[in-house]
Amino acid sequence: MSENIITKEIPTFYFIGVTTKKSSIMKVFPLWMKVLGREEVVIEGVDLKIHDTNEAYRAATAQIKYDPLSLGALVTTHKVDLYHATADMFEYADRYAQITGEVSSISKLEGRLEGHAKDPITAGLSLDAIISKDYFGSTGGQVLIFGAGGSSAATILHLMMKNDVSDRPSRIVVINRSQGRLDSVREMVERIGTDIAIDYVCNEDPRVNDEIMDSLPDYSIVINATGMGKDTPGSPITNAGLFPKHGIAWEFNYRGKLDFMHQALAQV
């Protein structure tokens, strides 16, 4: 392994994604470092294929683990795949990483390689800022999530952990194009337990997604937690798909064509 490690001469933080050069973090990160008084730290993008090989994920993680000046990484699209391929390389994984089976933050502390899953915190804070307390109890809205990756699992976990029943939806529908990710989410849910009825739908036909979305009650929340519109083209629904009345459309993607967001805006 050591022969593949690049010895960095300056402190380096990595951004592990798909098309990292297009991300705003490449411009924002140096500004953060200036504020923190760590201007010597640079950011470097690592572009991997969606659902890349275990070898690719282990190589990217090994660079951080074994090079002293490789400080850590932010992981986006590859959160679940990377952790599944490299779990044995971490000396520590936080509770959320163990529950969701993903890692979005890689760091080192006193020689230990540490993995953290921040999505349950960040997605939860974002959702709580969007909706009011007692939202589900007062509206009867449900939740539809396209995608069953790390951010989807984190959002479901956040809703499951709500103490007040009025802050939990009565039903969540998770739709994904492959069965494996759905099985992982189901395993997480069953391990923890919840009173939320959760439907797991394996489907890749956007017209079927339209039908499921059309069946939702008013005030429901529809989330695009896929990479469609950013990492891959398109949207999980068609232009004919009808969003719930008085509902919320939440686009997780923050750049790209954002087709899903524009489909929702067209119905406002």
C-alpha atoms as a PDB file:
ATOM      1  CA  MET A   1       0.000   0.000   0.000  1.00  0.00           C
ATOM      2  CA  SER A   2       2.770   2.464   0.892  1.00  0.00           C
ATOM      3  CA  GLU A   3       4.109   2.545  -2.674  1.00  0.00           C
ATOM      4  CA  ASN A   4       0.821   4.107  -3.843  1.00  0.00           C
ATOM      5  CA  ILE A   5       0.783   6.852  -1.219  1.00  0.00           C
ATOM      6  CA  ILE A   6       1.752  10.337  -2.354  1.00  0.00           C
ATOM      7  CA  THR A   7       3.787  12.206   0.241  1.00  0.00           C
ATOM      8  CA  LYS A   8       2.302  15.679   0.406  1.00  0.00           C
ATOM      9  CA  GLU A   9       4.536  18.667   1.106  1.00  0.00           C
ATOM     10  CA  ILE A  10       1.728  20.936   2.302  1.00  0.00           C
ATOM     11  CA  PRO A  11      -1.313  20.154   4.482  1.00  0.00           C
ATOM     12  CA  THR A  12      -4.043  18.852   2.181  1.00  0.00           C
ATOM     13  CA  PHE A  13      -7.762  18.300   2.695  1.00  0.00           C
ATOM     14  CA  TYR A  14      -9.630  16.237   0.118  1.00  0.00           C
ATOM     15  CA  PHE A  15     -13.057  16.546  -1.439  1.00  0.00           C
ATOM     16  CA  ILE A  16     -14.145  13.100  -2.622  1.00  0.00           C
ATOM     17  CA  GLY A  17     -16.896  13.434  -5.203  1.00  0.00           C
ATOM     18  CA  VAL A  18     -17.685  13.026  -8.886  1.00  0.00           C
ATOM     19  CA  THR A  19     -17.068  16.373 -10.595  1.00  0.00           C
ATOM     20  CA  THR A  20     -15.330  18.212  -7.793  1.00  0.00           C
ATOM     21  CA  LYS A  21     -13.890  21.049  -9.888  1.00  0.00           C
ATOM     22  CA  LYS A  22     -17.428  22.315 -10.489  1.00  0.00           C
ATOM     23  CA  SER A  23     -18.251  22.522  -6.794  1.00  0.00           C
ATOM     24  CA  SER A  24     -18.376  25.841  -4.967  1.00  0.00           C
ATOM     25  CA  ILE A  25     -16.424  24.362  -2.061  1.00  0.00           C
ATOM     26  CA  MET A  26     -13.258  24.649  -4.142  1.00  0.00           C
ATOM     27  CA  LYS A  27     -13.639  28.435  -3.938  1.00  0.00           C
ATOM     28  CA  VAL A  28     -15.143  28.624  -0.465  1.00  0.00           C
ATOM     29  CA  PHE A  29     -12.662  26.334   1.314  1.00  0.00           C
ATOM     30  CA  PRO A  30      -9.688  28.759   1.095  1.00  0.00           C
ATOM     31  CA  LEU A  31     -11.903  31.460   2.609  1.00  0.00           C
ATOM     32  CA  TRP A  32     -12.769  29.169   5.509  1.00  0.00           C
ATOM     33  CA  MET A  33      -9.101  28.428   6.070  1.00  0.00           C
ATOM     34  CA  LYS A  34      -8.319  32.150   6.132  1.00  0.00           C
ATOM     35  CA  VAL A  35     -10.990  32.739   8.779  1.00  0.00           C
ATOM     36  CA  LEU A  36      -9.654  29.811  10.819  1.00  0.00           C
ATOM     37  CA  GLY A  37      -6.067  30.998  10.522  1.00  0.00           C
ATOM     38  CA  ARG A  38      -5.054  27.889   8.578  1.00  0.00           C
ATOM     39  CA  GLU A  39      -4.254  29.396   5.181  1.00  0.00           C
ATOM     40  CA  GLU A  40      -1.519  26.810   4.631  1.00  0.00           C
ATOM     41  CA  VAL A  41      -4.148  24.066   4.199  1.00  0.00           C
ATOM     42  CA  VAL A  42      -5.232  23.454   0.585  1.00  0.00           C
ATOM     43  CA  ILE A  43      -8.131  21.466  -0.837  1.00  0.00           C
ATOM     44  CA  GLU A  44      -7.775  18.819  -3.535  1.00  0.00           C
ATOM     45  CA  GLY A  45     -10.585  17.148  -5.439  1.00  0.00           C
ATOM     46  CA  VAL A  46     -10.759  13.383  -5.897  1.00  0.00           C
ATOM     47  CA  ASP A  47     -13.131  12.418  -8.705  1.00  0.00           C
ATOM     48  CA  LEU A  48     -14.431   8.856  -8.524  1.00  0.00           C
ATOM     49  CA  LYS A  49     -17.068   7.085 -10.585  1.00  0.00           C
ATOM     50  CA  ILE A  50     -20.533   6.617  -9.121  1.00  0.00           C
ATOM     51  CA  HIS A  51     -20.506   3.174  -7.428  1.00  0.00           C
ATOM     52  CA  ASP A  52     -16.774   2.868  -8.079  1.00  0.00           C
ATOM     53  CA  THR A  53     -14.675  -0.160  -7.169  1.00  0.00           C
ATOM     54  CA  ASN A  54     -13.705  -1.032  -3.617  1.00  0.00           C
ATOM     55  CA  GLU A  55     -10.081  -0.618  -4.684  1.00  0.00           C
ATOM     56  CA  ALA A  56     -10.700   2.990  -5.704  1.00  0.00           C
ATOM     57  CA  TYR A  57     -12.372   3.826  -2.398  1.00  0.00           C
ATOM     58  CA  ARG A  58      -9.664   2.115  -0.380  1.00  0.00           C
ATOM     59  CA  ALA A  59      -6.918   3.921  -2.306  1.00  0.00           C
ATOM     60  CA  ALA A  60      -8.495   7.315  -1.629  1.00  0.00           C
ATOM     61  CA  THR A  61      -8.894   6.490   2.055  1.00  0.00           C
ATOM     62  CA  ALA A  62      -5.379   5.052   2.341  1.00  0.00           C
ATOM     63  CA  GLN A  63      -3.909   8.319   1.063  1.00  0.00           C
ATOM     64  CA  ILE A  64      -5.456  10.080   4.044  1.00  0.00           C
ATOM     65  CA  LYS A  65      -4.662   7.343   6.528  1.00  0.00           C
ATOM     66  CA  TYR A  66      -0.983   6.901   5.723  1.00  0.00           C
ATOM     67  CA  ASP A  67       0.236  10.317   4.553  1.00  0.00           C
ATOM     68  CA  PRO A  68       0.965  12.631   7.510  1.00  0.00           C
ATOM     69  CA  LEU A  69      -0.004  15.831   5.688  1.00  0.00           C
ATOM     70  CA  SER A  70      -3.217  14.411   4.235  1.00  0.00           C
ATOM     71  CA  LEU A  71      -5.552  15.727   6.910  1.00  0.00           C
ATOM     72  CA  GLY A  72      -8.982  14.391   6.027  1.00  0.00           C
ATOM     73  CA  ALA A  73     -11.820  14.594   3.544  1.00  0.00           C
ATOM     74  CA  LEU A  74     -15.358  15.607   2.810  1.00  0.00           C
ATOM     75  CA  VAL A  75     -17.269  12.817   1.071  1.00  0.00           C
ATOM     76  CA  THR A  76     -20.399  13.496  -0.968  1.00  0.00           C
ATOM     77  CA  THR A  77     -21.858  11.076  -3.516  1.00  0.00           C
ATOM     78  CA  HIS A  78     -19.789   8.127  -2.298  1.00  0.00           C
ATOM     79  CA  LYS A  79     -20.712   8.188   1.409  1.00  0.00           C
ATOM     80  CA  VAL A  80     -22.261   4.711   1.551  1.00  0.00           C
ATOM     81  CA  ASP A  81     -20.040   2.941  -0.981  1.00  0.00           C
ATOM     82  CA  LEU A  82     -16.853   4.339   0.514  1.00  0.00           C
ATOM     83  CA  TYR A  83     -17.717   3.290   4.053  1.00  0.00           C
ATOM     84  CA  HIS A  84     -18.759  -0.197   2.982  1.00  0.00           C
ATOM     85  CA  ALA A  85     -15.417  -0.606   1.202  1.00  0.00           C
ATOM     86  CA  THR A  86     -13.220   0.888   3.938  1.00  0.00           C
ATOM     87  CA  ALA A  87     -14.903   0.335   7.312  1.00  0.00           C
ATOM     88  CA  ASP A  88     -12.003  -1.811   8.507  1.00  0.00           C
ATOM     89  CA  MET A  89      -9.556   1.045   7.831  1.00  0.00           C
ATOM     90  CA  PHE A  90     -11.106   3.326  10.451  1.00  0.00           C
ATOM     91  CA  GLU A  91     -10.031   3.199  14.075  1.00  0.00           C
ATOM     92  CA  TYR A  92     -13.196   5.072  15.017  1.00  0.00           C
ATOM     93  CA  ALA A  93     -16.618   5.530  13.444  1.00  0.00           C
ATOM     94  CA  ASP A  94     -19.225   7.639  15.189  1.00  0.00           C
ATOM     95  CA  ARG A  95     -22.681   6.399  16.155  1.00  0.00           C
ATOM     96  CA  TYR A  96     -24.370   7.856  13.092  1.00  0.00           C
ATOM     97  CA  ALA A  97     -21.818   6.263  10.766  1.00  0.00           C
ATOM     98  CA  GLN A  98     -22.483   2.892  12.351  1.00  0.00           C
ATOM     99  CA  ILE A  99     -26.263   3.314  12.192  1.00  0.00           C
ATOM    100  CA  THR A 100     -26.520   4.648   8.637  1.00  0.00           C
ATOM    101  CA  GLY A 101     -23.552   2.773   7.162  1.00  0.00           C
ATOM    102  CA  GLU A 102     -22.086   5.908   5.629  1.00  0.00           C
ATOM    103  CA  VAL A 103     -19.292   8.370   6.229  1.00  0.00           C
ATOM    104  CA  SER A 104     -19.305  11.977   5.067  1.00  0.00           C
ATOM    105  CA  SER A 105     -16.369  13.295   7.093  1.00  0.00           C
ATOM    106  CA  ILE A 106     -12.929  11.692   7.346  1.00  0.00           C
ATOM    107  CA  SER A 107     -10.462  13.083   9.866  1.00  0.00           C
ATOM    108  CA  LYS A 108      -7.475  12.108  11.957  1.00  0.00           C
ATOM    109  CA  LEU A 109      -6.987  12.501  15.691  1.00  0.00           C
ATOM    110  CA  GLU A 110      -3.787  11.472  17.457  1.00  0.00           C
ATOM    111  CA  GLY A 111      -2.977   9.059  14.653  1.00  0.00           C
ATOM    112  CA  ARG A 112      -6.445   7.521  14.467  1.00  0.00           C
ATOM    113  CA  LEU A 113      -8.451   7.583  11.256  1.00  0.00           C
ATOM    114  CA  GLU A 114     -11.975   8.661  12.179  1.00  0.00           C
ATOM    115  CA  GLY A 115     -15.200   8.572  10.200  1.00  0.00           C
ATOM    116  CA  HIS A 116     -18.280  10.624  10.960  1.00  0.00           C
ATOM    117  CA  ALA A 117     -21.711  10.717   9.338  1.00  0.00           C
ATOM    118  CA  LYS A 118     -22.877  14.312   9.485  1.00  0.00           C
ATOM    119  CA  ASP A 119     -25.986  13.980   7.307  1.00  0.00           C
ATOM    120  CA  PRO A 120     -28.322  13.059  10.191  1.00  0.00           C
ATOM    121  CA  ILE A 121     -27.299  16.341  11.816  1.00  0.00           C
ATOM    122  CA  THR A 122     -27.213  18.616   8.770  1.00  0.00           C
ATOM    123  CA  ALA A 123     -30.261  17.153   7.019  1.00  0.00           C
ATOM    124  CA  GLY A 124     -32.141  17.249  10.305  1.00  0.00           C
ATOM    125  CA  LEU A 125     -31.287  20.872  10.987  1.00  0.00           C
ATOM    126  CA  SER A 126     -32.282  21.785   7.434  1.00  0.00           C
ATOM    127  CA  LEU A 127     -35.627  19.996   7.641  1.00  0.00           C
ATOM    128  CA  ASP A 128     -36.390  21.528  11.030  1.00  0.00           C
ATOM    129  CA  ALA A 129     -35.713  24.958   9.519  1.00  0.00           C
ATOM    130  CA  ILE A 130     -38.122  24.262   6.649  1.00  0.00           C
ATOM    131  CA  ILE A 131     -41.115  22.944   8.581  1.00  0.00           C
ATOM    132  CA  SER A 132     -42.717  24.037  11.827  1.00  0.00           C
ATOM    133  CA  LYS A 133     -43.032  21.973  14.966  1.00  0.00           C
ATOM    134  CA  ASP A 134     -46.092  19.692  14.877  1.00  0.00           C
ATOM    135  CA  TYR A 135     -46.027  19.930  11.076  1.00  0.00           C
ATOM    136  CA  PHE A 136     -47.076  16.357  10.418  1.00  0.00           C
ATOM    137  CA  GLY A 137     -49.594  16.236  13.232  1.00  0.00           C
ATOM    138  CA  SER A 138     -51.291  19.444  12.114  1.00  0.00           C
ATOM    139  CA  THR A 139     -51.226  18.808   8.355  1.00  0.00           C
ATOM    140  CA  GLY A 140     -51.369  15.039   7.897  1.00  0.00           C
ATOM    141  CA  GLY A 141     -48.614  15.317   5.310  1.00  0.00           C
ATOM    142  CA  GLN A 142     -46.431  12.340   4.454  1.00  0.00           C
ATOM    143  CA  VAL A 143     -42.896  12.060   3.050  1.00  0.00           C
ATOM    144  CA  LEU A 144     -41.752  10.712  -0.316  1.00  0.00           C
ATOM    145  CA  ILE A 145     -38.018  10.313  -0.852  1.00  0.00           C
ATOM    146  CA  PHE A 146     -36.461   9.520  -4.209  1.00  0.00           C
ATOM    147  CA  GLY A 147     -33.158   7.763  -3.548  1.00  0.00           C
ATOM    148  CA  ALA A 148     -32.003   5.445  -0.783  1.00  0.00           C
ATOM    149  CA  GLY A 149     -28.421   6.564  -0.254  1.00  0.00           C
ATOM    150  CA  GLY A 150     -26.789   8.207   2.719  1.00  0.00           C
ATOM    151  CA  SER A 151     -28.743  11.468   2.733  1.00  0.00           C
ATOM    152  CA  SER A 152     -32.020   9.593   2.380  1.00  0.00           C
ATOM    153  CA  ALA A 153     -31.197   7.246   5.260  1.00  0.00           C
ATOM    154  CA  ALA A 154     -30.116  10.219   7.371  1.00  0.00           C
ATOM    155  CA  THR A 155     -33.395  12.048   6.779  1.00  0.00           C
ATOM    156  CA  ILE A 156     -35.412   8.966   7.670  1.00  0.00           C
ATOM    157  CA  LEU A 157     -33.336   8.466  10.813  1.00  0.00           C
ATOM    158  CA  HIS A 158     -33.903  12.093  11.842  1.00  0.00           C
ATOM    159  CA  LEU A 159     -37.663  11.713  11.490  1.00  0.00           C
ATOM    160  CA  MET A 160     -37.659   8.386  13.329  1.00  0.00           C
ATOM    161  CA  MET A 161     -35.814   9.927  16.277  1.00  0.00           C
ATOM    162  CA  LYS A 162     -38.358  12.714  16.817  1.00  0.00           C
ATOM    163  CA  ASN A 163     -39.787  12.340  20.328  1.00  0.00           C
ATOM    164  CA  ASP A 164     -43.160  13.964  19.662  1.00  0.00           C
ATOM    165  CA  VAL A 165     -45.478  11.884  17.483  1.00  0.00           C
ATOM    166  CA  SER A 166     -46.768  15.065  15.829  1.00  0.00           C
ATOM    167  CA  ASP A 167     -43.240  15.688  14.513  1.00  0.00           C
ATOM    168  CA  ARG A 168     -43.167  12.290  12.814  1.00  0.00           C
ATOM    169  CA  PRO A 169     -44.999  11.558   9.563  1.00  0.00           C
ATOM    170  CA  SER A 170     -47.423   8.661   9.609  1.00  0.00           C
ATOM    171  CA  ARG A 171     -45.866   7.309   6.422  1.00  0.00           C
ATOM    172  CA  ILE A 172     -42.631   7.532   4.431  1.00  0.00           C
ATOM    173  CA  VAL A 173     -42.209   6.155   0.923  1.00  0.00           C
ATOM    174  CA  VAL A 174     -38.651   5.472  -0.255  1.00  0.00           C
ATOM    175  CA  ILE A 175     -38.104   4.838  -3.961  1.00  0.00           C
ATOM    176  CA  ASN A 176     -34.805   3.651  -5.406  1.00  0.00           C
ATOM    177  CA  ARG A 177     -33.714   2.192  -8.724  1.00  0.00           C
ATOM    178  CA  SER A 178     -31.783  -0.698  -7.138  1.00  0.00           C
ATOM    179  CA  GLN A 179     -32.881  -3.054  -4.376  1.00  0.00           C
ATOM    180  CA  GLY A 180     -29.614  -3.164  -2.424  1.00  0.00           C
ATOM    181  CA  ARG A 181     -29.828   0.368  -1.037  1.00  0.00           C
ATOM    182  CA  LEU A 182     -33.470  -0.152  -0.095  1.00  0.00           C
ATOM    183  CA  ASP A 183     -32.492  -3.275   1.831  1.00  0.00           C
ATOM    184  CA  SER A 184     -29.838  -1.289   3.705  1.00  0.00           C
ATOM    185  CA  VAL A 185     -32.347   1.375   4.713  1.00  0.00           C
ATOM    186  CA  ARG A 186     -34.859  -1.288   5.743  1.00  0.00           C
ATOM    187  CA  GLU A 187     -32.221  -3.003   7.885  1.00  0.00           C
ATOM    188  CA  MET A 188     -31.425   0.296   9.631  1.00  0.00           C
ATOM    189  CA  VAL A 189     -35.099   0.999  10.282  1.00  0.00           C
ATOM    190  CA  GLU A 190     -35.834  -2.487  11.600  1.00  0.00           C
ATOM    191  CA  ARG A 191     -32.766  -2.438  13.834  1.00  0.00           C
ATOM    192  CA  ILE A 192     -33.881   0.775  15.533  1.00  0.00           C
ATOM    193  CA  GLY A 193     -37.646   0.405  15.308  1.00  0.00           C
ATOM    194  CA  THR A 194     -40.286   3.009  14.508  1.00  0.00           C
ATOM    195  CA  ASP A 195     -44.032   3.570  14.468  1.00  0.00           C
ATOM    196  CA  ILE A 196     -43.758   5.235  11.044  1.00  0.00           C
ATOM    197  CA  ALA A 197     -45.131   3.109   8.199  1.00  0.00           C
ATOM    198  CA  ILE A 198     -42.315   2.924   5.651  1.00  0.00           C
ATOM    199  CA  ASP A 199     -42.812   1.636   2.119  1.00  0.00           C
ATOM    200  CA  TYR A 200     -39.772   0.527   0.115  1.00  0.00           C
ATOM    201  CA  VAL A 201     -40.285   0.708  -3.646  1.00  0.00           C
ATOM    202  CA  CYS A 202     -37.739  -0.520  -6.191  1.00  0.00           C
ATOM    203  CA  ASN A 203     -38.540   1.342  -9.394  1.00  0.00           C
ATOM    204  CA  GLU A 204     -36.743   3.175 -12.177  1.00  0.00           C
ATOM    205  CA  ASP A 205     -39.746   4.274 -14.251  1.00  0.00           C
ATOM    206  CA  PRO A 206     -40.404   7.997 -13.665  1.00  0.00           C
ATOM    207  CA  ARG A 207     -44.032   7.534 -14.729  1.00  0.00           C
ATOM    208  CA  VAL A 208     -44.581   5.154 -11.817  1.00  0.00           C
ATOM    209  CA  ASN A 209     -42.932   7.722  -9.556  1.00  0.00           C
ATOM    210  CA  ASP A 210     -45.454  10.264 -10.858  1.00  0.00           C
ATOM    211  CA  GLU A 211     -48.320   7.974  -9.846  1.00  0.00           C
ATOM    212  CA  ILE A 212     -46.940   7.453  -6.352  1.00  0.00           C
ATOM    213  CA  MET A 213     -46.387  11.188  -5.888  1.00  0.00           C
ATOM    214  CA  ASP A 214     -49.911  11.930  -7.122  1.00  0.00           C
ATOM    215  CA  SER A 215     -51.334   9.629  -4.417  1.00  0.00           C
ATOM    216  CA  LEU A 216     -49.823  11.638  -1.559  1.00  0.00           C
ATOM    217  CA  PRO A 217     -52.055  13.729   0.698  1.00  0.00           C
ATOM    218  CA  ASP A 218     -51.862  17.514   0.690  1.00  0.00           C
ATOM    219  CA  TYR A 219     -48.937  19.099   2.571  1.00  0.00           C
ATOM    220  CA  SER A 220     -46.665  16.129   1.898  1.00  0.00           C
ATOM    221  CA  ILE A 221     -42.922  16.581   1.436  1.00  0.00           C
ATOM    222  CA  VAL A 222     -41.255  15.254  -1.725  1.00  0.00           C
ATOM    223  CA  ILE A 223     -37.467  14.959  -1.644  1.00  0.00           C
ATOM    224  CA  ASN A 224     -34.998  14.369  -4.451  1.00  0.00           C
ATOM    225  CA  ALA A 225     -32.173  12.557  -2.678  1.00  0.00           C
ATOM    226  CA  THR A 226     -30.801  11.110  -5.910  1.00  0.00           C
ATOM    227  CA  GLY A 227     -27.909  12.524  -7.884  1.00  0.00           C
ATOM    228  CA  MET A 228     -30.218  13.189 -10.820  1.00  0.00           C
ATOM    229  CA  GLY A 229     -29.915  16.788 -11.884  1.00  0.00           C
ATOM    230  CA  LYS A 230     -26.338  17.010 -10.599  1.00  0.00           C
ATOM    231  CA  ASP A 231     -24.186  13.890 -11.028  1.00  0.00           C
ATOM    232  CA  THR A 232     -26.466  12.362 -13.662  1.00  0.00           C
ATOM    233  CA  PRO A 233     -28.956  14.033 -16.011  1.00  0.00           C
ATOM    234  CA  GLY A 234     -32.698  14.208 -15.577  1.00  0.00           C
ATOM    235  CA  SER A 235     -35.139  13.865 -12.706  1.00  0.00           C
ATOM    236  CA  PRO A 236     -36.834  10.947 -10.924  1.00  0.00           C
ATOM    237  CA  ILE A 237     -40.221  12.261 -12.153  1.00  0.00           C
ATOM    238  CA  THR A 238     -41.595  13.445 -15.498  1.00  0.00           C
ATOM    239  CA  ASN A 239     -42.798  16.934 -16.333  1.00  0.00           C
ATOM    240  CA  ALA A 240     -46.345  15.584 -16.012  1.00  0.00           C
ATOM    241  CA  GLY A 241     -45.855  14.611 -12.366  1.00  0.00           C
ATOM    242  CA  LEU A 242     -48.077  16.551  -9.949  1.00  0.00           C
ATOM    243  CA  PHE A 243     -46.669  17.638  -6.602  1.00  0.00           C
ATOM    244  CA  PRO A 244     -48.968  17.559  -3.538  1.00  0.00           C
ATOM    245  CA  LYS A 245     -51.092  20.655  -2.961  1.00  0.00           C
ATOM    246  CA  HIS A 246     -49.591  22.914  -0.295  1.00  0.00           C
ATOM    247  CA  GLY A 247     -46.660  20.507  -0.177  1.00  0.00           C
ATOM    248  CA  ILE A 248     -42.913  20.987  -0.046  1.00  0.00           C
ATOM    249  CA  ALA A 249     -40.453  19.983  -2.765  1.00  0.00           C
ATOM    250  CA  TRP A 250     -36.930  19.619  -1.404  1.00  0.00           C
ATOM    251  CA  GLU A 251     -34.054  19.384  -3.876  1.00  0.00           C
ATOM    252  CA  PHE A 252     -30.987  17.970  -2.131  1.00  0.00           C
ATOM    253  CA  ASN A 253     -28.729  18.809  -5.069  1.00  0.00           C
ATOM    254  CA  TYR A 254     -27.094  22.202  -4.760  1.00  0.00           C
ATOM    255  CA  ARG A 255     -25.750  22.628  -8.302  1.00  0.00           C
ATOM    256  CA  GLY A 256     -26.244  21.315 -11.796  1.00  0.00           C
ATOM    257  CA  LYS A 257     -29.349  21.549 -13.956  1.00  0.00           C
ATOM    258  CA  LEU A 258     -31.599  20.842 -10.938  1.00  0.00           C
ATOM    259  CA  ASP A 259     -34.423  19.503 -13.120  1.00  0.00           C
ATOM    260  CA  PHE A 260     -36.488  18.352 -10.121  1.00  0.00           C
ATOM    261  CA  MET A 261     -36.416  21.806  -8.547  1.00  0.00           C
ATOM    262  CA  HIS A 262     -37.492  23.466 -11.784  1.00  0.00           C
ATOM    263  CA  GLN A 263     -40.327  20.962 -12.205  1.00  0.00           C
ATOM    264  CA  ALA A 264     -41.582  21.936  -8.758  1.00  0.00           C
ATOM    265  CA  LEU A 265     -41.198  25.663  -9.373  1.00  0.00           C
ATOM    266  CA  ALA A 266     -43.259  25.350 -12.554  1.00  0.00           C
ATOM    267  CA  GLN A 267     -46.233  24.311 -10.408  1.00  0.00           C
ATOM    268  CA  VAL A 268     -46.043  27.142  -7.889  1.00  0.00           C
END
